Amino acid sequence: MEKITRFGVSIEPDLLEKFDRMMKKKGYTNRSEALRDLIREHLIVEQVKTSSAEVIGTLTMVYDHHAGPLVKRLLNIQHDHHHEILTTTHIHIDHNTCLEVLVLNGKTQNIQKLADTIKALKGIKHGELVITSKSL
């Protein structure tokens, strides 16, 4: 078990009240765990800003598979980046619309560039990249 360090925090009553409401809304049972999660989140955000950081993440996209040569272009891009794409999931939302999720692994700069390239393709209706640190 990890060693725990206790420390005190001075905070304005109004800010603490807002924090407690947020904490309860999100299901935290104590302030310590809520603060730990906030600290982890901030550290991860800072860490993945480094272009050479090793990250893992997902690119979720919604697209019209009838949009010209989109599917062929997506497949070519995915094959060109097979070393960064761990897996894909493809879901048919309706006759025209697909949702696809790519699970990605690599350096921030490479993952961001890949996501930007895909999101800019004609026919991609929406794309969102979520990345996180592989270690903290």
C-alpha atoms as a PDB file:
ATOM      1  CA  MET A   1       0.000   0.000   0.000  1.00  0.00           C
ATOM      2  CA  GLU A   2       1.204   3.474  -0.883  1.00  0.00           C
ATOM      3  CA  LYS A   3       2.161   5.876   1.846  1.00  0.00           C
ATOM      4  CA  ILE A   4      -0.367   8.680   2.305  1.00  0.00           C
ATOM      5  CA  THR A   5       0.665  12.232   3.153  1.00  0.00           C
ATOM      6  CA  ARG A   6      -1.858  14.417   4.918  1.00  0.00           C
ATOM      7  CA  PHE A   7      -1.825  18.174   4.360  1.00  0.00           C
ATOM      8  CA  GLY A   8      -4.098  21.086   5.111  1.00  0.00           C
ATOM      9  CA  VAL A   9      -5.766  23.332   2.570  1.00  0.00           C
ATOM     10  CA  SER A  10      -7.056  26.835   3.231  1.00  0.00           C
ATOM     11  CA  ILE A  11     -10.079  27.691   1.122  1.00  0.00           C
ATOM     12  CA  GLU A  12     -12.804  30.323   1.060  1.00  0.00           C
ATOM     13  CA  PRO A  13     -16.173  29.071   2.403  1.00  0.00           C
ATOM     14  CA  ASP A  14     -18.035  29.854  -0.854  1.00  0.00           C
ATOM     15  CA  LEU A  15     -15.489  27.944  -2.946  1.00  0.00           C
ATOM     16  CA  LEU A  16     -15.592  24.992  -0.546  1.00  0.00           C
ATOM     17  CA  GLU A  17     -19.385  24.921  -0.703  1.00  0.00           C
ATOM     18  CA  LYS A  18     -19.264  24.795  -4.523  1.00  0.00           C
ATOM     19  CA  PHE A  19     -16.604  22.097  -4.389  1.00  0.00           C
ATOM     20  CA  ASP A  20     -18.683  20.003  -1.983  1.00  0.00           C
ATOM     21  CA  ARG A  21     -21.747  20.284  -4.260  1.00  0.00           C
ATOM     22  CA  MET A  22     -19.714  19.238  -7.300  1.00  0.00           C
ATOM     23  CA  MET A  23     -18.135  16.418  -5.327  1.00  0.00           C
ATOM     24  CA  LYS A  24     -21.502  15.039  -4.217  1.00  0.00           C
ATOM     25  CA  LYS A  25     -22.982  15.428  -7.709  1.00  0.00           C
ATOM     26  CA  LYS A  26     -20.153  13.319  -9.132  1.00  0.00           C
ATOM     27  CA  GLY A  27     -20.540  10.680  -6.416  1.00  0.00           C
ATOM     28  CA  TYR A  28     -17.401  11.262  -4.356  1.00  0.00           C
ATOM     29  CA  THR A  29     -17.740  10.174  -0.757  1.00  0.00           C
ATOM     30  CA  ASN A  30     -14.884  12.332   0.520  1.00  0.00           C
ATOM     31  CA  ARG A  31     -12.892  15.428  -0.387  1.00  0.00           C
ATOM     32  CA  SER A  32      -9.578  13.571  -0.465  1.00  0.00           C
ATOM     33  CA  GLU A  33     -10.510  11.374  -3.413  1.00  0.00           C
ATOM     34  CA  ALA A  34     -12.066  14.307  -5.266  1.00  0.00           C
ATOM     35  CA  LEU A  35      -8.882  16.349  -4.798  1.00  0.00           C
ATOM     36  CA  ARG A  36      -6.695  13.421  -5.880  1.00  0.00           C
ATOM     37  CA  ASP A  37      -8.711  13.071  -9.092  1.00  0.00           C
ATOM     38  CA  LEU A  38      -8.500  16.798  -9.819  1.00  0.00           C
ATOM     39  CA  ILE A  39      -4.738  16.733  -9.293  1.00  0.00           C
ATOM     40  CA  ARG A  40      -4.343  13.649 -11.533  1.00  0.00           C
ATOM     41  CA  GLU A  41      -6.470  15.263 -14.238  1.00  0.00           C
ATOM     42  CA  HIS A  42      -4.405  18.442 -14.181  1.00  0.00           C
ATOM     43  CA  LEU A  43      -1.122  16.515 -14.281  1.00  0.00           C
ATOM     44  CA  ILE A  44      -2.317  14.440 -17.241  1.00  0.00           C
ATOM     45  CA  VAL A  45      -3.469  17.522 -19.161  1.00  0.00           C
ATOM     46  CA  GLU A  46      -0.046  19.093 -18.657  1.00  0.00           C
ATOM     47  CA  GLN A  47       1.836  15.906 -19.488  1.00  0.00           C
ATOM     48  CA  VAL A  48       0.058  15.219 -22.793  1.00  0.00           C
ATOM     49  CA  LYS A  49       0.748  18.779 -23.983  1.00  0.00           C
ATOM     50  CA  THR A  50       4.346  17.708 -24.566  1.00  0.00           C
ATOM     51  CA  SER A  51       4.565  16.717 -28.232  1.00  0.00           C
ATOM     52  CA  SER A  52       6.861  13.774 -27.488  1.00  0.00           C
ATOM     53  CA  ALA A  53       4.798  12.383 -24.588  1.00  0.00           C
ATOM     54  CA  GLU A  54       3.718   8.761 -24.962  1.00  0.00           C
ATOM     55  CA  VAL A  55      -0.075   8.738 -24.903  1.00  0.00           C
ATOM     56  CA  ILE A  56      -3.005   6.464 -25.483  1.00  0.00           C
ATOM     57  CA  GLY A  57      -6.420   7.602 -26.597  1.00  0.00           C
ATOM     58  CA  THR A  58      -9.436   7.332 -28.808  1.00  0.00           C
ATOM     59  CA  LEU A  59     -10.616   9.083 -31.927  1.00  0.00           C
ATOM     60  CA  THR A  60     -14.377   8.850 -32.233  1.00  0.00           C
ATOM     61  CA  MET A  61     -15.882   9.872 -35.555  1.00  0.00           C
ATOM     62  CA  VAL A  62     -19.290   9.950 -37.162  1.00  0.00           C
ATOM     63  CA  TYR A  63     -19.416   9.951 -40.938  1.00  0.00           C
ATOM     64  CA  ASP A  64     -21.503   9.347 -44.022  1.00  0.00           C
ATOM     65  CA  HIS A  65     -20.056   6.253 -45.662  1.00  0.00           C
ATOM     66  CA  HIS A  66     -21.604   7.324 -48.989  1.00  0.00           C
ATOM     67  CA  ALA A  67     -19.513  10.535 -49.058  1.00  0.00           C
ATOM     68  CA  GLY A  68     -17.398  10.004 -52.166  1.00  0.00           C
ATOM     69  CA  PRO A  69     -14.185   8.089 -51.613  1.00  0.00           C
ATOM     70  CA  LEU A  70     -14.244   8.618 -47.843  1.00  0.00           C
ATOM     71  CA  VAL A  71     -14.217   4.962 -46.789  1.00  0.00           C
ATOM     72  CA  LYS A  72     -11.302   4.174 -49.105  1.00  0.00           C
ATOM     73  CA  ARG A  73      -9.366   7.199 -47.826  1.00  0.00           C
ATOM     74  CA  LEU A  74     -10.057   6.208 -44.194  1.00  0.00           C
ATOM     75  CA  LEU A  75      -8.809   2.685 -44.824  1.00  0.00           C
ATOM     76  CA  ASN A  76      -5.667   3.947 -46.570  1.00  0.00           C
ATOM     77  CA  ILE A  77      -4.898   6.332 -43.707  1.00  0.00           C
ATOM     78  CA  GLN A  78      -5.511   3.603 -41.142  1.00  0.00           C
ATOM     79  CA  HIS A  79      -3.193   1.194 -42.978  1.00  0.00           C
ATOM     80  CA  ASP A  80      -0.533   3.918 -43.231  1.00  0.00           C
ATOM     81  CA  HIS A  81      -0.775   4.360 -39.431  1.00  0.00           C
ATOM     82  CA  HIS A  82      -1.127   0.713 -38.383  1.00  0.00           C
ATOM     83  CA  HIS A  83       1.675   1.197 -35.835  1.00  0.00           C
ATOM     84  CA  GLU A  84      -0.385   3.865 -33.992  1.00  0.00           C
ATOM     85  CA  ILE A  85      -3.819   2.245 -34.292  1.00  0.00           C
ATOM     86  CA  LEU A  86      -4.326  -0.557 -31.796  1.00  0.00           C
ATOM     87  CA  THR A  87      -7.876  -1.425 -32.841  1.00  0.00           C
ATOM     88  CA  THR A  88     -10.990  -0.033 -34.473  1.00  0.00           C
ATOM     89  CA  THR A  89     -14.685  -0.449 -33.813  1.00  0.00           C
ATOM     90  CA  HIS A  90     -17.208   0.263 -36.537  1.00  0.00           C
ATOM     91  CA  ILE A  91     -20.936   0.682 -35.850  1.00  0.00           C
ATOM     92  CA  HIS A  92     -23.725   1.235 -38.379  1.00  0.00           C
ATOM     93  CA  ILE A  93     -25.989   3.916 -36.930  1.00  0.00           C
ATOM     94  CA  ASP A  94     -28.377   3.895 -39.892  1.00  0.00           C
ATOM     95  CA  HIS A  95     -28.247   3.246 -43.654  1.00  0.00           C
ATOM     96  CA  ASN A  96     -25.957   6.226 -44.296  1.00  0.00           C
ATOM     97  CA  THR A  97     -24.223   6.981 -41.011  1.00  0.00           C
ATOM     98  CA  CYS A  98     -21.395   5.144 -39.275  1.00  0.00           C
ATOM     99  CA  LEU A  99     -19.659   5.637 -35.952  1.00  0.00           C
ATOM    100  CA  GLU A 100     -16.075   4.497 -35.774  1.00  0.00           C
ATOM    101  CA  VAL A 101     -13.691   4.502 -32.823  1.00  0.00           C
ATOM    102  CA  LEU A 102      -9.945   4.173 -33.244  1.00  0.00           C
ATOM    103  CA  VAL A 103      -7.879   3.258 -30.197  1.00  0.00           C
ATOM    104  CA  LEU A 104      -4.533   4.999 -30.614  1.00  0.00           C
ATOM    105  CA  ASN A 105      -1.096   4.692 -29.076  1.00  0.00           C
ATOM    106  CA  GLY A 106       1.993   6.824 -29.671  1.00  0.00           C
ATOM    107  CA  LYS A 107       3.513  10.266 -29.277  1.00  0.00           C
ATOM    108  CA  THR A 108       1.153  13.202 -28.766  1.00  0.00           C
ATOM    109  CA  GLN A 109       2.287  14.957 -31.947  1.00  0.00           C
ATOM    110  CA  ASN A 110       1.705  11.868 -34.113  1.00  0.00           C
ATOM    111  CA  ILE A 111      -1.674  11.033 -32.588  1.00  0.00           C
ATOM    112  CA  GLN A 112      -2.848  14.655 -32.900  1.00  0.00           C
ATOM    113  CA  LYS A 113      -1.711  14.865 -36.535  1.00  0.00           C
ATOM    114  CA  LEU A 114      -3.466  11.601 -37.398  1.00  0.00           C
ATOM    115  CA  ALA A 115      -6.684  12.771 -35.740  1.00  0.00           C
ATOM    116  CA  ASP A 116      -6.541  16.162 -37.478  1.00  0.00           C
ATOM    117  CA  THR A 117      -5.997  14.492 -40.855  1.00  0.00           C
ATOM    118  CA  ILE A 118      -8.988  12.212 -40.384  1.00  0.00           C
ATOM    119  CA  LYS A 119     -11.296  14.893 -38.954  1.00  0.00           C
ATOM    120  CA  ALA A 120     -10.565  17.137 -41.966  1.00  0.00           C
ATOM    121  CA  LEU A 121     -11.730  14.544 -44.498  1.00  0.00           C
ATOM    122  CA  LYS A 122     -14.835  15.432 -46.491  1.00  0.00           C
ATOM    123  CA  GLY A 123     -17.736  13.379 -45.142  1.00  0.00           C
ATOM    124  CA  ILE A 124     -16.588  13.288 -41.516  1.00  0.00           C
ATOM    125  CA  LYS A 125     -19.522  14.863 -39.676  1.00  0.00           C
ATOM    126  CA  HIS A 126     -17.874  14.911 -36.257  1.00  0.00           C
ATOM    127  CA  GLY A 127     -14.633  13.723 -34.758  1.00  0.00           C
ATOM    128  CA  GLU A 128     -13.255  13.973 -31.260  1.00  0.00           C
ATOM    129  CA  LEU A 129      -9.853  12.980 -29.945  1.00  0.00           C
ATOM    130  CA  VAL A 130      -9.423  12.076 -26.290  1.00  0.00           C
ATOM    131  CA  ILE A 131      -5.897  11.359 -25.102  1.00  0.00           C
ATOM    132  CA  THR A 132      -4.493  10.462 -21.747  1.00  0.00           C
ATOM    133  CA  SER A 133      -1.122   9.643 -20.292  1.00  0.00           C
ATOM    134  CA  LYS A 134       0.046   6.052 -20.291  1.00  0.00           C
ATOM    135  CA  SER A 135       1.556   6.677 -16.868  1.00  0.00           C
ATOM    136  CA  LEU A 136       1.247   9.218 -14.104  1.00  0.00           C
END
